[in-house]
N, C-alpha and C. Protein backbone atom coordinates (compact mmCIF):
# COMPACT_ATOMS: atom_id res chain seq x y z
N MET A 1 0.83 -1.20 0.00
CA MET A 1 0.00 0.00 0.00
C MET A 1 0.87 1.26 0.00
N PRO A 2 0.46 2.27 -0.75
CA PRO A 2 1.23 3.52 -0.75
C PRO A 2 1.22 4.17 0.63
N ASP A 3 2.30 4.86 0.93
CA ASP A 3 2.39 5.60 2.19
C ASP A 3 1.48 6.82 2.10
N PRO A 4 0.43 6.91 2.91
CA PRO A 4 -0.51 8.04 2.81
C PRO A 4 0.12 9.38 3.16
N SER A 5 1.26 9.37 3.81
CA SER A 5 1.90 10.64 4.17
C SER A 5 2.56 11.30 2.97
N ILE A 6 2.88 10.51 1.93
CA ILE A 6 3.57 11.07 0.77
C ILE A 6 2.70 12.08 0.03
N PRO A 7 1.46 11.76 -0.34
CA PRO A 7 0.62 12.78 -1.00
C PRO A 7 0.43 14.02 -0.14
N GLU A 8 0.31 13.84 1.17
CA GLU A 8 0.14 14.99 2.06
C GLU A 8 1.38 15.88 2.03
N THR A 9 2.55 15.24 2.01
CA THR A 9 3.79 16.01 1.96
C THR A 9 3.91 16.78 0.65
N VAL A 10 3.61 16.10 -0.47
CA VAL A 10 3.68 16.76 -1.77
C VAL A 10 2.71 17.93 -1.82
N GLU A 11 1.49 17.73 -1.33
CA GLU A 11 0.50 18.81 -1.35
C GLU A 11 0.96 19.98 -0.50
N SER A 12 1.55 19.69 0.66
CA SER A 12 1.98 20.77 1.54
C SER A 12 3.09 21.60 0.90
N ILE A 13 3.97 20.93 0.15
CA ILE A 13 5.05 21.66 -0.53
C ILE A 13 4.48 22.53 -1.65
N ILE A 14 3.55 21.97 -2.42
CA ILE A 14 2.94 22.74 -3.51
C ILE A 14 2.25 23.98 -2.96
N ARG A 15 1.49 23.80 -1.87
CA ARG A 15 0.75 24.93 -1.30
C ARG A 15 1.67 25.92 -0.58
N ALA A 16 2.80 25.43 -0.09
CA ALA A 16 3.73 26.31 0.65
C ALA A 16 4.54 27.20 -0.28
N ARG A 17 4.75 26.75 -1.52
CA ARG A 17 5.54 27.57 -2.43
C ARG A 17 4.82 28.88 -2.71
N ARG A 18 5.54 29.95 -2.59
CA ARG A 18 4.94 31.27 -2.79
C ARG A 18 5.90 32.17 -3.53
N THR A 19 5.33 33.08 -4.28
CA THR A 19 6.13 34.08 -4.98
C THR A 19 6.48 35.20 -4.03
N GLU A 20 7.77 35.50 -3.93
CA GLU A 20 8.22 36.64 -3.14
C GLU A 20 9.44 37.24 -3.83
N LYS A 21 9.30 38.47 -4.27
CA LYS A 21 10.39 39.17 -4.92
C LYS A 21 11.29 39.79 -3.85
N VAL A 22 12.55 39.41 -3.86
CA VAL A 22 13.52 39.93 -2.90
C VAL A 22 14.47 40.84 -3.66
N LEU A 23 14.53 42.10 -3.23
CA LEU A 23 15.30 43.10 -3.97
C LEU A 23 16.25 43.86 -3.05
N CYS A 24 17.36 44.29 -3.61
CA CYS A 24 18.24 45.23 -2.90
C CYS A 24 19.09 45.96 -3.94
N ASP A 25 19.60 47.11 -3.56
CA ASP A 25 20.50 47.84 -4.44
C ASP A 25 21.81 47.08 -4.55
N ILE A 26 22.45 47.19 -5.69
CA ILE A 26 23.68 46.44 -5.93
C ILE A 26 24.73 46.76 -4.86
N GLU A 27 24.86 48.02 -4.51
CA GLU A 27 25.88 48.40 -3.51
C GLU A 27 25.53 47.89 -2.11
N ALA A 28 24.27 47.55 -1.90
CA ALA A 28 23.84 47.14 -0.56
C ALA A 28 23.73 45.63 -0.40
N HIS A 29 24.11 44.89 -1.42
CA HIS A 29 23.94 43.43 -1.35
C HIS A 29 24.84 42.83 -0.28
N ARG A 30 24.37 41.75 0.31
CA ARG A 30 25.16 41.03 1.32
C ARG A 30 25.81 39.82 0.67
N PRO A 31 27.13 39.70 0.73
CA PRO A 31 27.78 38.52 0.16
C PRO A 31 27.32 37.24 0.88
N VAL A 32 27.24 36.17 0.14
CA VAL A 32 26.91 34.88 0.74
C VAL A 32 28.18 34.31 1.35
N PRO A 33 28.21 34.04 2.66
CA PRO A 33 29.42 33.46 3.28
C PRO A 33 29.84 32.17 2.59
N ALA A 34 31.12 31.91 2.56
CA ALA A 34 31.66 30.76 1.83
C ALA A 34 31.05 29.45 2.31
N ASP A 35 30.89 29.30 3.63
CA ASP A 35 30.35 28.04 4.14
C ASP A 35 28.89 27.86 3.75
N VAL A 36 28.14 28.96 3.69
CA VAL A 36 26.73 28.90 3.28
C VAL A 36 26.64 28.55 1.80
N ALA A 37 27.50 29.17 1.00
CA ALA A 37 27.50 28.90 -0.43
C ALA A 37 27.84 27.44 -0.70
N GLU A 38 28.84 26.93 0.01
CA GLU A 38 29.26 25.54 -0.19
C GLU A 38 28.17 24.57 0.24
N ARG A 39 27.52 24.88 1.34
CA ARG A 39 26.47 24.01 1.88
C ARG A 39 25.28 23.91 0.93
N ASN A 40 24.99 25.00 0.24
CA ASN A 40 23.80 25.03 -0.61
C ASN A 40 24.06 24.71 -2.07
N ARG A 41 25.31 24.74 -2.47
CA ARG A 41 25.65 24.49 -3.88
C ARG A 41 25.13 23.14 -4.35
N GLU A 42 25.44 22.08 -3.62
CA GLU A 42 25.03 20.75 -4.04
C GLU A 42 23.52 20.57 -3.96
N ILE A 43 22.89 21.26 -3.00
CA ILE A 43 21.42 21.18 -2.90
C ILE A 43 20.78 21.75 -4.14
N VAL A 44 21.27 22.90 -4.59
CA VAL A 44 20.72 23.53 -5.79
C VAL A 44 20.97 22.65 -7.01
N LEU A 45 22.19 22.16 -7.16
CA LEU A 45 22.51 21.33 -8.32
C LEU A 45 21.68 20.05 -8.32
N GLN A 46 21.54 19.42 -7.16
CA GLN A 46 20.74 18.19 -7.10
C GLN A 46 19.27 18.49 -7.38
N SER A 47 18.80 19.64 -6.93
CA SER A 47 17.41 20.03 -7.19
C SER A 47 17.18 20.21 -8.69
N ILE A 48 18.17 20.78 -9.38
CA ILE A 48 18.05 20.94 -10.83
C ILE A 48 18.03 19.58 -11.52
N LYS A 49 18.91 18.69 -11.07
CA LYS A 49 18.94 17.35 -11.67
C LYS A 49 17.62 16.62 -11.46
N THR A 50 17.08 16.73 -10.26
CA THR A 50 15.80 16.08 -9.97
C THR A 50 14.68 16.69 -10.80
N ALA A 51 14.70 18.01 -10.95
CA ALA A 51 13.68 18.70 -11.76
C ALA A 51 13.70 18.20 -13.19
N GLY A 52 14.87 17.75 -13.64
CA GLY A 52 15.02 17.27 -15.00
C GLY A 52 14.32 15.95 -15.29
N TRP A 53 13.67 15.37 -14.27
CA TRP A 53 12.86 14.17 -14.48
C TRP A 53 11.46 14.53 -14.95
N ALA A 54 11.24 15.80 -15.29
CA ALA A 54 9.96 16.21 -15.87
C ALA A 54 9.73 15.46 -17.18
N PRO A 55 8.48 15.18 -17.51
CA PRO A 55 8.21 14.47 -18.77
C PRO A 55 8.40 15.36 -19.99
N PHE A 56 8.85 14.77 -21.07
CA PHE A 56 8.86 15.48 -22.35
C PHE A 56 8.46 14.49 -23.44
N HIS A 57 7.81 15.03 -24.47
CA HIS A 57 7.17 14.18 -25.47
C HIS A 57 8.11 13.81 -26.61
N TYR A 58 8.94 14.79 -27.04
CA TYR A 58 9.83 14.57 -28.17
C TYR A 58 11.28 14.83 -27.74
N PRO A 59 12.21 14.00 -28.19
CA PRO A 59 13.62 14.31 -27.92
C PRO A 59 14.06 15.48 -28.79
N ARG A 60 14.73 16.46 -28.18
CA ARG A 60 15.11 17.67 -28.93
C ARG A 60 16.36 17.43 -29.77
N LYS A 61 17.27 16.57 -29.28
CA LYS A 61 18.45 16.16 -30.06
C LYS A 61 19.32 17.35 -30.47
N VAL A 62 19.64 18.20 -29.52
CA VAL A 62 20.61 19.27 -29.74
C VAL A 62 21.84 18.94 -28.91
N ASP A 63 23.00 18.92 -29.55
CA ASP A 63 24.26 18.56 -28.87
C ASP A 63 24.16 17.16 -28.25
N GLY A 64 23.37 16.30 -28.87
CA GLY A 64 23.26 14.93 -28.39
C GLY A 64 22.39 14.76 -27.16
N LEU A 65 21.68 15.81 -26.75
CA LEU A 65 20.84 15.75 -25.54
C LEU A 65 19.38 15.66 -25.93
N ALA A 66 18.64 14.81 -25.22
CA ALA A 66 17.22 14.62 -25.52
C ALA A 66 16.35 15.75 -24.98
N GLU A 67 16.73 16.31 -23.84
CA GLU A 67 15.87 17.29 -23.17
C GLU A 67 15.70 18.56 -23.99
N PRO A 68 14.48 19.13 -23.99
CA PRO A 68 14.23 20.38 -24.71
C PRO A 68 14.52 21.61 -23.87
N TRP A 69 15.15 21.46 -22.73
CA TRP A 69 15.46 22.58 -21.85
C TRP A 69 16.95 22.57 -21.49
N ARG A 70 17.42 23.71 -20.99
CA ARG A 70 18.78 23.84 -20.46
C ARG A 70 18.70 24.68 -19.20
N ALA A 71 19.63 24.47 -18.29
CA ALA A 71 19.70 25.25 -17.05
C ALA A 71 21.09 25.88 -16.95
N HIS A 72 21.12 27.20 -16.85
CA HIS A 72 22.37 27.96 -16.72
C HIS A 72 22.41 28.54 -15.31
N VAL A 73 23.39 28.10 -14.52
CA VAL A 73 23.43 28.44 -13.09
C VAL A 73 24.43 29.56 -12.85
N LEU A 74 23.96 30.62 -12.22
CA LEU A 74 24.83 31.71 -11.79
C LEU A 74 24.86 31.69 -10.27
N TRP A 75 26.02 31.42 -9.72
CA TRP A 75 26.15 31.50 -8.27
C TRP A 75 26.21 32.98 -7.86
N HIS A 76 26.33 33.23 -6.59
CA HIS A 76 26.11 34.59 -6.08
C HIS A 76 27.01 35.63 -6.77
N GLU A 77 28.28 35.34 -6.89
CA GLU A 77 29.19 36.33 -7.47
C GLU A 77 28.86 36.61 -8.93
N GLU A 78 28.51 35.56 -9.68
CA GLU A 78 28.14 35.74 -11.07
C GLU A 78 26.82 36.51 -11.20
N ALA A 79 25.91 36.25 -10.26
CA ALA A 79 24.63 36.99 -10.26
C ALA A 79 24.89 38.48 -10.01
N GLN A 80 25.85 38.78 -9.15
CA GLN A 80 26.20 40.18 -8.89
C GLN A 80 26.77 40.84 -10.15
N GLN A 81 27.63 40.12 -10.84
CA GLN A 81 28.21 40.66 -12.07
C GLN A 81 27.12 40.87 -13.12
N ALA A 82 26.16 39.95 -13.17
CA ALA A 82 25.05 40.09 -14.10
C ALA A 82 24.21 41.32 -13.75
N ALA A 83 24.02 41.56 -12.45
CA ALA A 83 23.26 42.73 -12.00
C ALA A 83 23.94 44.02 -12.45
N ILE A 84 25.25 44.06 -12.30
CA ILE A 84 26.01 45.25 -12.70
C ILE A 84 25.93 45.44 -14.22
N TYR A 85 26.05 44.35 -14.96
CA TYR A 85 25.98 44.43 -16.42
C TYR A 85 24.61 44.92 -16.87
N LEU A 86 23.56 44.40 -16.24
CA LEU A 86 22.20 44.85 -16.57
C LEU A 86 22.06 46.35 -16.35
N ARG A 87 22.55 46.82 -15.22
CA ARG A 87 22.38 48.23 -14.87
C ARG A 87 23.29 49.15 -15.66
N ASP A 88 24.58 48.81 -15.70
CA ASP A 88 25.57 49.73 -16.25
C ASP A 88 25.75 49.62 -17.75
N GLU A 89 25.65 48.41 -18.29
CA GLU A 89 25.89 48.22 -19.73
C GLU A 89 24.60 48.24 -20.54
N LEU A 90 23.54 47.67 -19.98
CA LEU A 90 22.27 47.60 -20.71
C LEU A 90 21.28 48.68 -20.30
N GLY A 91 21.62 49.44 -19.25
CA GLY A 91 20.78 50.56 -18.84
C GLY A 91 19.43 50.15 -18.28
N VAL A 92 19.35 48.98 -17.67
CA VAL A 92 18.07 48.50 -17.13
C VAL A 92 17.76 49.25 -15.85
N THR A 93 16.59 49.86 -15.79
CA THR A 93 16.19 50.61 -14.60
C THR A 93 15.03 49.94 -13.86
N SER A 94 14.55 48.82 -14.39
CA SER A 94 13.47 48.08 -13.72
C SER A 94 14.05 47.24 -12.59
N LYS A 95 13.27 46.31 -12.08
CA LYS A 95 13.68 45.56 -10.89
C LYS A 95 14.74 44.49 -11.17
N GLY A 96 15.04 44.20 -12.43
CA GLY A 96 15.96 43.12 -12.76
C GLY A 96 17.29 43.16 -12.03
N PRO A 97 18.04 44.28 -12.11
CA PRO A 97 19.32 44.33 -11.40
C PRO A 97 19.18 44.17 -9.89
N ARG A 98 18.10 44.68 -9.31
CA ARG A 98 17.91 44.57 -7.86
C ARG A 98 17.56 43.14 -7.45
N LEU A 99 16.85 42.43 -8.31
CA LEU A 99 16.57 41.03 -8.03
C LEU A 99 17.85 40.21 -8.08
N ALA A 100 18.67 40.46 -9.10
CA ALA A 100 19.92 39.72 -9.23
C ALA A 100 20.88 40.04 -8.09
N ALA A 101 20.85 41.30 -7.63
CA ALA A 101 21.74 41.70 -6.54
C ALA A 101 21.36 41.04 -5.23
N ALA A 102 20.07 40.77 -5.03
CA ALA A 102 19.61 40.24 -3.75
C ALA A 102 19.65 38.73 -3.66
N CYS A 103 19.74 38.04 -4.80
CA CYS A 103 19.60 36.58 -4.76
C CYS A 103 20.88 35.89 -4.30
N SER A 104 20.69 34.68 -3.78
CA SER A 104 21.83 33.84 -3.41
C SER A 104 22.37 33.09 -4.61
N ALA A 105 21.49 32.77 -5.54
CA ALA A 105 21.87 32.11 -6.79
C ALA A 105 20.76 32.39 -7.80
N LEU A 106 21.09 32.21 -9.06
CA LEU A 106 20.14 32.48 -10.13
C LEU A 106 20.25 31.36 -11.16
N VAL A 107 19.10 30.77 -11.49
CA VAL A 107 19.08 29.72 -12.52
C VAL A 107 18.26 30.24 -13.70
N LEU A 108 18.87 30.28 -14.86
CA LEU A 108 18.18 30.67 -16.08
C LEU A 108 17.82 29.39 -16.83
N VAL A 109 16.52 29.12 -16.90
CA VAL A 109 16.04 27.93 -17.61
C VAL A 109 15.60 28.36 -19.00
N THR A 110 16.19 27.75 -20.00
CA THR A 110 15.85 28.06 -21.39
C THR A 110 15.21 26.83 -22.03
N TRP A 111 14.55 27.08 -23.16
CA TRP A 111 14.04 25.96 -23.95
C TRP A 111 14.49 26.14 -25.39
N LEU A 112 14.45 25.07 -26.16
CA LEU A 112 15.01 25.09 -27.51
C LEU A 112 13.92 24.86 -28.54
N PRO A 113 13.38 25.93 -29.10
CA PRO A 113 12.34 25.78 -30.12
C PRO A 113 12.91 25.21 -31.41
N GLU A 114 12.10 24.45 -32.11
CA GLU A 114 12.51 23.92 -33.40
C GLU A 114 12.19 24.88 -34.54
N PHE A 115 11.13 25.63 -34.40
CA PHE A 115 10.69 26.51 -35.49
C PHE A 115 11.74 27.54 -35.83
N TYR A 116 12.62 27.87 -34.86
CA TYR A 116 13.62 28.91 -35.09
C TYR A 116 14.94 28.36 -35.61
N ASP A 117 15.03 27.04 -35.77
CA ASP A 117 16.23 26.49 -36.36
C ASP A 117 16.41 27.06 -37.77
N LEU A 118 17.65 27.32 -38.15
CA LEU A 118 17.90 27.95 -39.44
C LEU A 118 17.34 27.12 -40.59
N GLU A 119 17.47 25.79 -40.50
CA GLU A 119 16.99 24.96 -41.59
C GLU A 119 15.47 24.97 -41.68
N ALA A 120 14.80 25.39 -40.60
CA ALA A 120 13.34 25.42 -40.60
C ALA A 120 12.80 26.57 -41.44
N GLN A 121 13.62 27.57 -41.68
CA GLN A 121 13.13 28.72 -42.43
C GLN A 121 12.78 28.36 -43.87
N ASN A 122 13.40 27.29 -44.40
CA ASN A 122 13.12 26.86 -45.77
C ASN A 122 12.20 25.65 -45.81
N ALA A 123 11.61 25.31 -44.68
CA ALA A 123 10.75 24.15 -44.62
C ALA A 123 9.39 24.45 -45.24
N SER A 124 8.68 23.39 -45.59
CA SER A 124 7.35 23.55 -46.16
C SER A 124 6.37 24.01 -45.08
N LYS A 125 5.20 24.49 -45.51
CA LYS A 125 4.18 24.94 -44.56
C LYS A 125 3.78 23.81 -43.63
N SER A 126 3.65 22.62 -44.17
CA SER A 126 3.28 21.46 -43.35
C SER A 126 4.34 21.16 -42.30
N ASP A 127 5.60 21.23 -42.72
CA ASP A 127 6.69 20.96 -41.77
C ASP A 127 6.76 22.04 -40.69
N ARG A 128 6.52 23.30 -41.09
CA ARG A 128 6.54 24.38 -40.10
C ARG A 128 5.42 24.20 -39.09
N GLU A 129 4.24 23.79 -39.53
CA GLU A 129 3.13 23.55 -38.61
C GLU A 129 3.45 22.42 -37.66
N THR A 130 4.10 21.40 -38.18
CA THR A 130 4.52 20.28 -37.33
C THR A 130 5.52 20.75 -36.29
N GLN A 131 6.46 21.60 -36.70
CA GLN A 131 7.47 22.10 -35.77
C GLN A 131 6.85 23.00 -34.72
N ARG A 132 5.87 23.80 -35.12
CA ARG A 132 5.18 24.64 -34.14
C ARG A 132 4.48 23.77 -33.09
N ALA A 133 3.84 22.70 -33.55
CA ALA A 133 3.17 21.80 -32.62
C ALA A 133 4.17 21.14 -31.68
N ARG A 134 5.31 20.76 -32.21
CA ARG A 134 6.35 20.17 -31.37
C ARG A 134 6.89 21.20 -30.38
N ASP A 135 6.98 22.46 -30.83
CA ASP A 135 7.45 23.51 -29.94
C ASP A 135 6.52 23.69 -28.74
N GLU A 136 5.22 23.55 -28.97
CA GLU A 136 4.28 23.62 -27.85
C GLU A 136 4.57 22.52 -26.84
N GLU A 137 4.92 21.35 -27.35
CA GLU A 137 5.28 20.23 -26.47
C GLU A 137 6.58 20.54 -25.72
N HIS A 138 7.56 21.08 -26.44
CA HIS A 138 8.84 21.41 -25.80
C HIS A 138 8.66 22.45 -24.70
N LEU A 139 7.85 23.48 -24.99
CA LEU A 139 7.64 24.55 -24.02
C LEU A 139 6.88 24.04 -22.80
N ALA A 140 5.88 23.20 -23.04
CA ALA A 140 5.12 22.63 -21.91
C ALA A 140 6.03 21.76 -21.05
N ALA A 141 6.90 20.99 -21.68
CA ALA A 141 7.82 20.13 -20.93
C ALA A 141 8.79 20.96 -20.10
N ALA A 142 9.34 22.02 -20.71
CA ALA A 142 10.28 22.87 -19.98
C ALA A 142 9.60 23.56 -18.81
N SER A 143 8.34 23.95 -18.98
CA SER A 143 7.58 24.56 -17.89
C SER A 143 7.40 23.57 -16.74
N SER A 144 7.18 22.30 -17.09
CA SER A 144 7.06 21.26 -16.07
C SER A 144 8.36 21.12 -15.30
N MET A 145 9.48 21.21 -16.01
CA MET A 145 10.78 21.15 -15.35
C MET A 145 10.96 22.31 -14.38
N VAL A 146 10.52 23.52 -14.80
CA VAL A 146 10.63 24.69 -13.93
C VAL A 146 9.81 24.51 -12.66
N GLN A 147 8.58 24.03 -12.79
CA GLN A 147 7.76 23.81 -11.61
C GLN A 147 8.39 22.79 -10.68
N ASN A 148 8.95 21.72 -11.24
CA ASN A 148 9.65 20.74 -10.41
C ASN A 148 10.76 21.41 -9.60
N LEU A 149 11.51 22.28 -10.27
CA LEU A 149 12.62 22.96 -9.60
C LEU A 149 12.12 23.86 -8.48
N LEU A 150 11.06 24.62 -8.73
CA LEU A 150 10.50 25.48 -7.70
C LEU A 150 10.09 24.67 -6.47
N LEU A 151 9.49 23.51 -6.71
CA LEU A 151 9.02 22.69 -5.59
C LEU A 151 10.19 22.07 -4.83
N MET A 152 11.22 21.65 -5.54
CA MET A 152 12.40 21.10 -4.88
C MET A 152 13.07 22.16 -4.01
N LEU A 153 13.21 23.37 -4.53
CA LEU A 153 13.80 24.46 -3.75
C LEU A 153 12.96 24.77 -2.52
N THR A 154 11.65 24.77 -2.70
CA THR A 154 10.74 25.02 -1.57
C THR A 154 10.90 23.93 -0.51
N ALA A 155 11.02 22.69 -0.95
CA ALA A 155 11.18 21.58 -0.01
C ALA A 155 12.45 21.73 0.82
N HIS A 156 13.45 22.39 0.26
CA HIS A 156 14.71 22.62 0.98
C HIS A 156 14.69 23.94 1.76
N GLY A 157 13.54 24.60 1.82
CA GLY A 157 13.43 25.84 2.58
C GLY A 157 14.02 27.04 1.90
N MET A 158 14.24 26.95 0.59
CA MET A 158 14.82 28.07 -0.15
C MET A 158 13.73 28.94 -0.76
N GLY A 159 13.87 30.24 -0.65
CA GLY A 159 12.97 31.15 -1.32
C GLY A 159 13.22 31.09 -2.81
N ASN A 160 12.17 31.26 -3.61
CA ASN A 160 12.35 31.22 -5.05
C ASN A 160 11.30 32.08 -5.74
N TYR A 161 11.69 32.67 -6.84
CA TYR A 161 10.80 33.54 -7.61
C TYR A 161 11.02 33.27 -9.09
N TRP A 162 9.95 32.91 -9.78
CA TRP A 162 9.99 32.66 -11.22
C TRP A 162 9.67 33.95 -11.94
N SER A 163 10.67 34.51 -12.59
CA SER A 163 10.50 35.72 -13.39
C SER A 163 10.64 35.37 -14.86
N SER A 164 9.95 36.11 -15.71
CA SER A 164 10.13 35.90 -17.15
C SER A 164 11.50 36.38 -17.61
N GLY A 165 12.16 37.20 -16.79
CA GLY A 165 13.56 37.52 -17.03
C GLY A 165 13.85 38.86 -17.66
N GLY A 166 12.91 39.40 -18.45
CA GLY A 166 13.17 40.70 -19.07
C GLY A 166 14.44 40.68 -19.90
N LYS A 167 15.33 41.64 -19.65
CA LYS A 167 16.57 41.77 -20.41
C LYS A 167 17.52 40.59 -20.22
N LEU A 168 17.29 39.79 -19.17
CA LEU A 168 18.12 38.60 -19.00
C LEU A 168 17.98 37.65 -20.18
N GLY A 169 16.84 37.75 -20.89
CA GLY A 169 16.61 36.90 -22.03
C GLY A 169 16.98 37.53 -23.36
N GLY A 170 17.57 38.71 -23.33
CA GLY A 170 17.92 39.40 -24.56
C GLY A 170 19.23 38.91 -25.15
N PRO A 171 19.49 39.22 -26.42
CA PRO A 171 20.71 38.73 -27.08
C PRO A 171 22.00 39.25 -26.45
N GLU A 172 21.97 40.48 -25.93
CA GLU A 172 23.18 41.02 -25.31
C GLU A 172 23.56 40.20 -24.07
N MET A 173 22.54 39.87 -23.25
CA MET A 173 22.82 39.12 -22.03
C MET A 173 23.19 37.68 -22.35
N PHE A 174 22.55 37.10 -23.34
CA PHE A 174 22.90 35.73 -23.74
C PHE A 174 24.36 35.69 -24.19
N ASN A 175 24.77 36.69 -24.97
CA ASN A 175 26.15 36.74 -25.43
C ASN A 175 27.10 36.91 -24.25
N TYR A 176 26.73 37.76 -23.31
CA TYR A 176 27.56 38.00 -22.11
C TYR A 176 27.72 36.73 -21.28
N LEU A 177 26.66 35.94 -21.18
CA LEU A 177 26.67 34.74 -20.35
C LEU A 177 27.07 33.48 -21.12
N GLY A 178 27.26 33.61 -22.42
CA GLY A 178 27.66 32.46 -23.21
C GLY A 178 26.53 31.47 -23.47
N ILE A 179 25.29 31.96 -23.51
CA ILE A 179 24.14 31.10 -23.78
C ILE A 179 23.88 31.09 -25.28
N PRO A 180 23.77 29.93 -25.90
CA PRO A 180 23.54 29.87 -27.36
C PRO A 180 22.32 30.65 -27.78
N LYS A 181 22.43 31.34 -28.91
CA LYS A 181 21.37 32.25 -29.34
C LYS A 181 20.11 31.54 -29.76
N GLN A 182 20.19 30.23 -30.07
CA GLN A 182 18.97 29.52 -30.48
C GLN A 182 18.08 29.16 -29.28
N GLU A 183 18.58 29.33 -28.08
CA GLU A 183 17.78 29.07 -26.89
C GLU A 183 16.89 30.27 -26.58
N ARG A 184 15.78 30.00 -25.88
CA ARG A 184 14.86 31.06 -25.48
C ARG A 184 14.66 31.00 -23.97
N LEU A 185 14.73 32.14 -23.31
CA LEU A 185 14.58 32.15 -21.86
C LEU A 185 13.13 31.88 -21.47
N LEU A 186 12.94 30.90 -20.62
CA LEU A 186 11.61 30.59 -20.09
C LEU A 186 11.46 31.11 -18.67
N ALA A 187 12.50 30.95 -17.85
CA ALA A 187 12.39 31.32 -16.44
C ALA A 187 13.73 31.78 -15.90
N ALA A 188 13.70 32.93 -15.24
CA ALA A 188 14.82 33.34 -14.40
C ALA A 188 14.38 33.06 -12.97
N ILE A 189 15.01 32.07 -12.35
CA ILE A 189 14.61 31.64 -11.01
C ILE A 189 15.61 32.22 -10.01
N PHE A 190 15.14 33.20 -9.26
CA PHE A 190 15.96 33.84 -8.24
C PHE A 190 15.82 33.04 -6.94
N ILE A 191 16.94 32.60 -6.38
CA ILE A 191 16.95 31.72 -5.22
C ILE A 191 17.51 32.46 -4.01
N GLU A 192 16.89 32.23 -2.88
CA GLU A 192 17.38 32.79 -1.61
C GLU A 192 17.63 31.65 -0.64
N TYR A 193 18.87 31.51 -0.19
CA TYR A 193 19.19 30.45 0.75
C TYR A 193 18.53 30.73 2.10
N PRO A 194 18.15 29.70 2.85
CA PRO A 194 17.50 29.92 4.16
C PRO A 194 18.34 30.78 5.09
N GLU A 195 19.66 30.60 5.03
CA GLU A 195 20.54 31.34 5.93
C GLU A 195 20.59 32.84 5.61
N MET A 196 20.15 33.21 4.42
CA MET A 196 20.23 34.61 4.00
C MET A 196 18.91 35.36 4.19
N MET A 197 17.91 34.66 4.71
CA MET A 197 16.59 35.28 4.87
C MET A 197 16.54 36.15 6.12
N ASP A 198 16.37 37.44 5.94
CA ASP A 198 16.16 38.35 7.06
C ASP A 198 15.43 39.57 6.54
N ASP A 199 15.36 40.59 7.34
CA ASP A 199 14.60 41.79 6.97
C ASP A 199 15.46 42.89 6.35
N SER A 200 16.68 42.55 5.94
CA SER A 200 17.56 43.58 5.41
C SER A 200 17.27 43.89 3.95
N THR A 201 16.40 43.11 3.31
CA THR A 201 16.09 43.32 1.90
C THR A 201 14.62 43.70 1.73
N ASP A 202 14.33 44.28 0.60
CA ASP A 202 12.97 44.66 0.26
C ASP A 202 12.23 43.44 -0.26
N ARG A 203 11.10 43.11 0.34
CA ARG A 203 10.35 41.91 -0.05
C ARG A 203 8.97 42.29 -0.55
N LYS A 204 8.64 41.74 -1.71
CA LYS A 204 7.33 42.03 -2.31
C LYS A 204 6.64 40.71 -2.61
N PRO A 205 5.54 40.41 -1.91
CA PRO A 205 4.82 39.15 -2.17
C PRO A 205 4.14 39.18 -3.52
N GLY A 206 3.88 37.99 -4.05
CA GLY A 206 3.15 37.89 -5.31
C GLY A 206 1.75 38.46 -5.17
N SER A 207 1.22 38.97 -6.27
CA SER A 207 -0.07 39.68 -6.21
C SER A 207 -1.27 38.78 -6.50
N LEU A 208 -1.03 37.55 -6.94
CA LEU A 208 -2.15 36.71 -7.38
C LEU A 208 -2.49 35.56 -6.43
N ARG A 209 -1.74 35.42 -5.36
CA ARG A 209 -1.96 34.27 -4.47
C ARG A 209 -3.39 34.24 -3.93
N ASN A 210 -3.92 35.40 -3.58
CA ASN A 210 -5.27 35.45 -3.01
C ASN A 210 -6.37 35.46 -4.06
N GLU A 211 -5.98 35.38 -5.33
CA GLU A 211 -6.96 35.36 -6.41
C GLU A 211 -7.33 33.94 -6.81
N ARG A 212 -6.70 32.96 -6.19
CA ARG A 212 -6.89 31.58 -6.62
C ARG A 212 -8.25 31.03 -6.21
N SER A 213 -8.74 30.09 -7.03
CA SER A 213 -9.98 29.40 -6.72
C SER A 213 -9.90 28.01 -7.36
N ASP A 214 -10.98 27.25 -7.25
CA ASP A 214 -11.04 25.97 -7.96
C ASP A 214 -12.19 25.96 -8.96
N GLN A 215 -12.63 27.16 -9.33
CA GLN A 215 -13.78 27.26 -10.22
C GLN A 215 -13.43 26.93 -11.67
N TRP A 216 -12.16 26.74 -11.96
CA TRP A 216 -11.74 26.40 -13.32
C TRP A 216 -11.83 24.90 -13.58
N ILE A 217 -12.23 24.12 -12.56
CA ILE A 217 -12.37 22.66 -12.74
C ILE A 217 -13.76 22.35 -13.27
N ARG A 218 -13.83 21.55 -14.30
CA ARG A 218 -15.13 21.15 -14.87
C ARG A 218 -15.14 19.62 -15.01
N GLU A 219 -16.09 19.00 -14.39
CA GLU A 219 -16.27 17.57 -14.53
C GLU A 219 -17.20 17.31 -15.72
N VAL A 220 -16.71 16.57 -16.67
CA VAL A 220 -17.47 16.34 -17.90
C VAL A 220 -18.50 15.22 -17.70
N THR A 221 -19.72 15.51 -18.09
CA THR A 221 -20.77 14.51 -18.09
C THR A 221 -21.35 14.40 -19.49
N LEU A 222 -21.55 13.20 -19.95
CA LEU A 222 -22.06 12.96 -21.31
C LEU A 222 -23.38 12.21 -21.27
């Protein structure tokens, strides 16, 4: 018989995950102590690996890899450099640099569309429609991977925020970070280690948590 505590645990993690934007000015950021960084590094990496057990329908077959997603990990120092680049080189005045400055680590999850492959530009209309349909599958699979990662981080007591990324997904930033141009940014996941959680940063809760309902469920009767 299945352990009845397992579904309860999974449900509690899903319900416990919450959106919270943690921001600070670049000059005011607190460095992550070396022991804290070391302690959490393997947790984050293992969480990413576990998230990669998300289902996908079609093998993407880029660089010999089946998965239609990629994860680019910026540890604290790299996230700080990215924050500075966003502000000083790209002139970003929105919350992006402040989010990067405040996080303990940043994971950029990308997906690999087929429709944008160079050889697809000369494909027939039928082939392009097929590729678009496959891209929907790739995007859905990558989104599943992102949700898995958010839940794994939550289970480890880490704060996390899924952002669409803004300028982090632009060609200038991809070039700066060495991300292949055929990839598309799906999620910038800002991570806060438990040891770094305090009131020294600006915290903004998600705006839609209290808007949730179950009225979107429809039981079909024929």
